[in-house]
């Protein structure tokens, strides 16, 4: 299948999907599923939920391909759908409150001070620092550095002005630098 659609543009695939071409949706799925899945995992922290929501993204593409207006790239459109699904999931999750008895059954998975001190791997420290950022800052860092989106594309995915993206990037980097210093890691890789 990748041979048939390997060089077909994303926009052309969307046009084919709008005309109920199942092979085109399979090609788009093959092209973007892993990227969307990883983005949702980082937002939700749950692999099973990410798999389910990533599949829902492509179901929405199947249903809404005819409404794609080409105001952004297909990848930006897909990431926006994925982000909205993840946010909806997180909102629903917050609405389900644990009772006190159920809360006592949840194991404490935080690291002990000794384990934390042993985590000297720079990559793990960076991931911890990123995970401790606010959701807004984490989303911007994720989209810019892991998905290599431009400021304009991030603004479209997050539905915020480009200047807000720049401001969040500034503060996210500042917070990351402070957190990395706290972990005893200077800027840059060895």
C-alpha atoms as a PDB file:
ATOM      1  CA  UNK A   1       0.000   0.000   0.000  1.00  0.00           C
ATOM      2  CA  UNK A   2       2.817   2.415   0.765  1.00  0.00           C
ATOM      3  CA  UNK A   3       3.998   1.857  -2.802  1.00  0.00           C
ATOM      4  CA  UNK A   4       0.667   3.065  -4.186  1.00  0.00           C
ATOM      5  CA  UNK A   5       0.388   6.123  -1.936  1.00  0.00           C
ATOM      6  CA  UNK A   6       4.044   6.561  -0.912  1.00  0.00           C
ATOM      7  CA  UNK A   7       4.515   9.803  -2.844  1.00  0.00           C
ATOM      8  CA  UNK A   8       0.906  10.980  -2.727  1.00  0.00           C
ATOM      9  CA  UNK A   9       0.562  14.284  -0.879  1.00  0.00           C
ATOM     10  CA  UNK A  10      -1.370  14.418   2.373  1.00  0.00           C
ATOM     11  CA  UNK A  11      -3.912  16.790   0.827  1.00  0.00           C
ATOM     12  CA  UNK A  12      -4.501  14.372  -2.063  1.00  0.00           C
ATOM     13  CA  UNK A  13      -5.058  11.566   0.451  1.00  0.00           C
ATOM     14  CA  UNK A  14      -7.632  13.720   2.245  1.00  0.00           C
ATOM     15  CA  UNK A  15      -9.407  14.319  -1.072  1.00  0.00           C
ATOM     16  CA  UNK A  16      -9.465  10.568  -1.690  1.00  0.00           C
ATOM     17  CA  UNK A  17     -10.723   9.911   1.843  1.00  0.00           C
ATOM     18  CA  UNK A  18     -13.496  12.446   1.261  1.00  0.00           C
ATOM     19  CA  UNK A  19     -14.491  10.243  -1.691  1.00  0.00           C
ATOM     20  CA  UNK A  20     -14.615   7.164   0.598  1.00  0.00           C
ATOM     21  CA  UNK A  21     -11.266   5.687  -0.487  1.00  0.00           C
ATOM     22  CA  UNK A  22     -10.438   3.210   2.297  1.00  0.00           C
ATOM     23  CA  UNK A  23      -6.906   2.637   0.990  1.00  0.00           C
ATOM     24  CA  UNK A  24      -6.198   6.365   1.303  1.00  0.00           C
ATOM     25  CA  UNK A  25      -7.229   6.421   4.970  1.00  0.00           C
ATOM     26  CA  UNK A  26      -5.020   3.380   5.567  1.00  0.00           C
ATOM     27  CA  UNK A  27      -2.106   5.217   3.918  1.00  0.00           C
ATOM     28  CA  UNK A  28      -2.703   8.331   6.049  1.00  0.00           C
ATOM     29  CA  UNK A  29      -2.988   6.118   9.134  1.00  0.00           C
ATOM     30  CA  UNK A  30       0.347   4.443   8.322  1.00  0.00           C
ATOM     31  CA  UNK A  31       1.952   7.844   7.836  1.00  0.00           C
ATOM     32  CA  UNK A  32       0.732   9.537  11.022  1.00  0.00           C
ATOM     33  CA  UNK A  33      -0.515   6.976  13.553  1.00  0.00           C
ATOM     34  CA  UNK A  34       2.725   6.660  15.557  1.00  0.00           C
ATOM     35  CA  UNK A  35       3.228  10.412  15.695  1.00  0.00           C
ATOM     36  CA  UNK A  36      -0.343  11.041  16.872  1.00  0.00           C
ATOM     37  CA  UNK A  37      -0.199   8.160  19.340  1.00  0.00           C
ATOM     38  CA  UNK A  38       3.021   9.518  20.919  1.00  0.00           C
ATOM     39  CA  UNK A  39       1.572  13.013  21.154  1.00  0.00           C
ATOM     40  CA  UNK A  40      -1.527  11.709  22.955  1.00  0.00           C
ATOM     41  CA  UNK A  41       0.554   9.473  25.269  1.00  0.00           C
ATOM     42  CA  UNK A  42       2.532  12.524  26.358  1.00  0.00           C
ATOM     43  CA  UNK A  43      -0.678  14.439  27.033  1.00  0.00           C
ATOM     44  CA  UNK A  44      -2.586  11.678  28.830  1.00  0.00           C
ATOM     45  CA  UNK A  45       0.186   9.532  30.282  1.00  0.00           C
ATOM     46  CA  UNK A  46      -1.780   6.422  29.326  1.00  0.00           C
ATOM     47  CA  UNK A  47      -0.828   4.153  26.410  1.00  0.00           C
ATOM     48  CA  UNK A  48      -4.196   2.371  26.189  1.00  0.00           C
ATOM     49  CA  UNK A  49      -6.095   5.661  26.141  1.00  0.00           C
ATOM     50  CA  UNK A  50      -3.649   7.043  23.562  1.00  0.00           C
ATOM     51  CA  UNK A  51      -4.215   4.070  21.276  1.00  0.00           C
ATOM     52  CA  UNK A  52      -7.977   4.456  21.536  1.00  0.00           C
ATOM     53  CA  UNK A  53      -7.902   8.218  20.962  1.00  0.00           C
ATOM     54  CA  UNK A  54      -5.441   7.919  18.055  1.00  0.00           C
ATOM     55  CA  UNK A  55      -7.837   5.520  16.365  1.00  0.00           C
ATOM     56  CA  UNK A  56     -10.674   7.973  17.012  1.00  0.00           C
ATOM     57  CA  UNK A  57      -8.645  10.697  15.280  1.00  0.00           C
ATOM     58  CA  UNK A  58      -8.585   8.662  12.073  1.00  0.00           C
ATOM     59  CA  UNK A  59     -12.256   7.806  12.433  1.00  0.00           C
ATOM     60  CA  UNK A  60     -12.936  11.558  12.580  1.00  0.00           C
ATOM     61  CA  UNK A  61     -10.750  12.066   9.509  1.00  0.00           C
ATOM     62  CA  UNK A  62     -12.836   9.460   7.681  1.00  0.00           C
ATOM     63  CA  UNK A  63     -16.040  11.249   8.679  1.00  0.00           C
ATOM     64  CA  UNK A  64     -14.821  14.835   8.197  1.00  0.00           C
ATOM     65  CA  UNK A  65     -12.359  14.693   5.301  1.00  0.00           C
ATOM     66  CA  UNK A  66     -14.819  16.533   3.078  1.00  0.00           C
ATOM     67  CA  UNK A  67     -14.774  19.459   5.522  1.00  0.00           C
ATOM     68  CA  UNK A  68     -10.979  19.887   5.461  1.00  0.00           C
ATOM     69  CA  UNK A  69     -10.444  23.460   4.256  1.00  0.00           C
ATOM     70  CA  UNK A  70      -6.656  23.381   3.609  1.00  0.00           C
ATOM     71  CA  UNK A  71      -6.091  26.397   5.865  1.00  0.00           C
ATOM     72  CA  UNK A  72      -3.301  24.412   7.514  1.00  0.00           C
ATOM     73  CA  UNK A  73      -1.262  21.355   6.688  1.00  0.00           C
ATOM     74  CA  UNK A  74      -2.883  17.952   7.111  1.00  0.00           C
ATOM     75  CA  UNK A  75      -0.450  17.102   9.920  1.00  0.00           C
ATOM     76  CA  UNK A  76      -1.437  20.273  11.802  1.00  0.00           C
ATOM     77  CA  UNK A  77      -5.119  19.396  11.340  1.00  0.00           C
ATOM     78  CA  UNK A  78      -4.499  15.863  12.653  1.00  0.00           C
ATOM     79  CA  UNK A  79      -2.564  17.153  15.675  1.00  0.00           C
ATOM     80  CA  UNK A  80      -5.380  19.603  16.473  1.00  0.00           C
ATOM     81  CA  UNK A  81      -7.928  16.778  16.373  1.00  0.00           C
ATOM     82  CA  UNK A  82      -5.655  14.656  18.587  1.00  0.00           C
ATOM     83  CA  UNK A  83      -5.156  17.492  21.072  1.00  0.00           C
ATOM     84  CA  UNK A  84      -8.889  18.139  21.317  1.00  0.00           C
ATOM     85  CA  UNK A  85      -9.589  14.447  21.909  1.00  0.00           C
ATOM     86  CA  UNK A  86      -6.908  14.263  24.621  1.00  0.00           C
ATOM     87  CA  UNK A  87      -8.227  17.385  26.349  1.00  0.00           C
ATOM     88  CA  UNK A  88     -11.783  16.031  26.252  1.00  0.00           C
ATOM     89  CA  UNK A  89     -10.561  12.775  27.753  1.00  0.00           C
ATOM     90  CA  UNK A  90      -8.650  14.581  30.509  1.00  0.00           C
ATOM     91  CA  UNK A  91     -11.698  16.703  31.333  1.00  0.00           C
ATOM     92  CA  UNK A  92     -13.899  13.604  31.591  1.00  0.00           C
ATOM     93  CA  UNK A  93     -11.261  11.937  33.739  1.00  0.00           C
ATOM     94  CA  UNK A  94     -11.247  14.863  36.197  1.00  0.00           C
ATOM     95  CA  UNK A  95     -15.020  14.603  36.524  1.00  0.00           C
ATOM     96  CA  UNK A  96     -14.730  11.033  37.842  1.00  0.00           C
ATOM     97  CA  UNK A  97     -13.798  11.542  41.475  1.00  0.00           C
ATOM     98  CA  UNK A  98     -12.280   8.817  43.629  1.00  0.00           C
ATOM     99  CA  UNK A  99     -13.883   8.141  46.934  1.00  0.00           C
ATOM    100  CA  UNK A 100     -11.663   8.002  50.020  1.00  0.00           C
ATOM    101  CA  UNK A 101     -11.659   4.208  50.175  1.00  0.00           C
ATOM    102  CA  UNK A 102     -10.658   3.855  46.513  1.00  0.00           C
ATOM    103  CA  UNK A 103      -7.955   6.477  46.991  1.00  0.00           C
ATOM    104  CA  UNK A 104      -6.293   4.397  49.722  1.00  0.00           C
ATOM    105  CA  UNK A 105      -6.016   1.483  47.263  1.00  0.00           C
ATOM    106  CA  UNK A 106      -4.021   3.526  44.735  1.00  0.00           C
ATOM    107  CA  UNK A 107      -0.337   2.700  45.194  1.00  0.00           C
ATOM    108  CA  UNK A 108       2.127   5.543  45.794  1.00  0.00           C
ATOM    109  CA  UNK A 109       4.406   5.352  42.753  1.00  0.00           C
ATOM    110  CA  UNK A 110       6.563   8.366  43.604  1.00  0.00           C
ATOM    111  CA  UNK A 111      10.267   7.727  43.750  1.00  0.00           C
ATOM    112  CA  UNK A 112      12.022   7.638  47.078  1.00  0.00           C
ATOM    113  CA  UNK A 113      14.753  10.245  47.613  1.00  0.00           C
ATOM    114  CA  UNK A 114      17.396   7.550  47.013  1.00  0.00           C
ATOM    115  CA  UNK A 115      15.875   6.544  43.673  1.00  0.00           C
ATOM    116  CA  UNK A 116      15.555  10.173  42.643  1.00  0.00           C
ATOM    117  CA  UNK A 117      19.211  10.769  43.489  1.00  0.00           C
ATOM    118  CA  UNK A 118      20.204   7.736  41.382  1.00  0.00           C
ATOM    119  CA  UNK A 119      18.444   9.093  38.300  1.00  0.00           C
ATOM    120  CA  UNK A 120      21.407  10.783  36.711  1.00  0.00           C
ATOM    121  CA  UNK A 121      20.511  10.015  33.147  1.00  0.00           C
ATOM    122  CA  UNK A 122      20.149  13.353  31.424  1.00  0.00           C
ATOM    123  CA  UNK A 123      17.368  12.170  29.121  1.00  0.00           C
ATOM    124  CA  UNK A 124      15.287  10.977  32.059  1.00  0.00           C
ATOM    125  CA  UNK A 125      15.899  14.250  33.884  1.00  0.00           C
ATOM    126  CA  UNK A 126      14.792  16.229  30.847  1.00  0.00           C
ATOM    127  CA  UNK A 127      11.641  14.126  30.522  1.00  0.00           C
ATOM    128  CA  UNK A 128      10.879  14.655  34.233  1.00  0.00           C
ATOM    129  CA  UNK A 129      11.403  18.377  33.847  1.00  0.00           C
ATOM    130  CA  UNK A 130       9.122  18.521  30.804  1.00  0.00           C
ATOM    131  CA  UNK A 131       6.460  16.418  32.520  1.00  0.00           C
ATOM    132  CA  UNK A 132       6.446  18.812  35.481  1.00  0.00           C
ATOM    133  CA  UNK A 133       5.636  21.812  33.276  1.00  0.00           C
ATOM    134  CA  UNK A 134       2.119  23.189  33.128  1.00  0.00           C
ATOM    135  CA  UNK A 135      -0.086  21.553  30.469  1.00  0.00           C
ATOM    136  CA  UNK A 136       0.110  24.700  28.293  1.00  0.00           C
ATOM    137  CA  UNK A 137       3.905  24.823  28.433  1.00  0.00           C
ATOM    138  CA  UNK A 138       4.248  21.072  27.964  1.00  0.00           C
ATOM    139  CA  UNK A 139       2.035  21.141  24.850  1.00  0.00           C
ATOM    140  CA  UNK A 140       4.107  23.906  23.253  1.00  0.00           C
ATOM    141  CA  UNK A 141       7.423  22.163  24.011  1.00  0.00           C
ATOM    142  CA  UNK A 142       6.050  18.857  22.720  1.00  0.00           C
ATOM    143  CA  UNK A 143       4.747  20.305  19.456  1.00  0.00           C
ATOM    144  CA  UNK A 144       7.849  22.406  18.726  1.00  0.00           C
ATOM    145  CA  UNK A 145      10.615  19.998  19.725  1.00  0.00           C
ATOM    146  CA  UNK A 146       9.121  16.526  19.294  1.00  0.00           C
ATOM    147  CA  UNK A 147       6.815  17.198  16.361  1.00  0.00           C
ATOM    148  CA  UNK A 148       8.940  19.949  14.809  1.00  0.00           C
ATOM    149  CA  UNK A 149       5.993  22.238  14.135  1.00  0.00           C
ATOM    150  CA  UNK A 150       6.530  25.924  13.400  1.00  0.00           C
ATOM    151  CA  UNK A 151       5.193  28.617  15.714  1.00  0.00           C
ATOM    152  CA  UNK A 152       2.389  29.265  13.216  1.00  0.00           C
ATOM    153  CA  UNK A 153       1.453  25.557  13.100  1.00  0.00           C
ATOM    154  CA  UNK A 154       1.526  25.282  16.897  1.00  0.00           C
ATOM    155  CA  UNK A 155      -0.758  28.318  17.086  1.00  0.00           C
ATOM    156  CA  UNK A 156      -3.233  26.547  14.799  1.00  0.00           C
ATOM    157  CA  UNK A 157      -3.077  23.257  16.698  1.00  0.00           C
ATOM    158  CA  UNK A 158      -3.577  24.947  20.060  1.00  0.00           C
ATOM    159  CA  UNK A 159      -5.982  27.560  18.673  1.00  0.00           C
ATOM    160  CA  UNK A 160      -4.033  30.458  20.200  1.00  0.00           C
ATOM    161  CA  UNK A 161      -2.219  33.475  18.725  1.00  0.00           C
ATOM    162  CA  UNK A 162       1.381  32.985  17.509  1.00  0.00           C
ATOM    163  CA  UNK A 163       2.617  35.535  20.056  1.00  0.00           C
ATOM    164  CA  UNK A 164       1.086  33.438  22.829  1.00  0.00           C
ATOM    165  CA  UNK A 165       3.024  30.434  21.503  1.00  0.00           C
ATOM    166  CA  UNK A 166       6.233  32.495  21.643  1.00  0.00           C
ATOM    167  CA  UNK A 167       5.487  33.687  25.170  1.00  0.00           C
ATOM    168  CA  UNK A 168       4.741  30.144  26.355  1.00  0.00           C
ATOM    169  CA  UNK A 169       7.958  28.907  24.724  1.00  0.00           C
ATOM    170  CA  UNK A 170       9.938  31.614  26.534  1.00  0.00           C
ATOM    171  CA  UNK A 171       8.470  30.730  29.917  1.00  0.00           C
ATOM    172  CA  UNK A 172       8.655  26.971  29.288  1.00  0.00           C
ATOM    173  CA  UNK A 173      12.365  27.222  28.415  1.00  0.00           C
ATOM    174  CA  UNK A 174      13.001  29.399  31.463  1.00  0.00           C
ATOM    175  CA  UNK A 175      11.205  26.875  33.706  1.00  0.00           C
ATOM    176  CA  UNK A 176      13.065  23.971  32.083  1.00  0.00           C
ATOM    177  CA  UNK A 177      16.425  25.662  32.653  1.00  0.00           C
ATOM    178  CA  UNK A 178      15.539  26.234  36.314  1.00  0.00           C
ATOM    179  CA  UNK A 179      14.368  22.638  36.748  1.00  0.00           C
ATOM    180  CA  UNK A 180      17.441  21.225  34.986  1.00  0.00           C
ATOM    181  CA  UNK A 181      19.690  23.277  37.247  1.00  0.00           C
ATOM    182  CA  UNK A 182      17.769  21.844  40.211  1.00  0.00           C
ATOM    183  CA  UNK A 183      18.556  18.340  38.864  1.00  0.00           C
ATOM    184  CA  UNK A 184      22.219  19.365  38.664  1.00  0.00           C
ATOM    185  CA  UNK A 185      22.347  19.427  34.884  1.00  0.00           C
ATOM    186  CA  UNK A 186      23.789  22.331  32.941  1.00  0.00           C
ATOM    187  CA  UNK A 187      22.404  23.363  29.565  1.00  0.00           C
ATOM    188  CA  UNK A 188      23.319  21.260  26.545  1.00  0.00           C
ATOM    189  CA  UNK A 189      24.431  17.707  26.041  1.00  0.00           C
ATOM    190  CA  UNK A 190      27.902  16.466  27.062  1.00  0.00           C
END
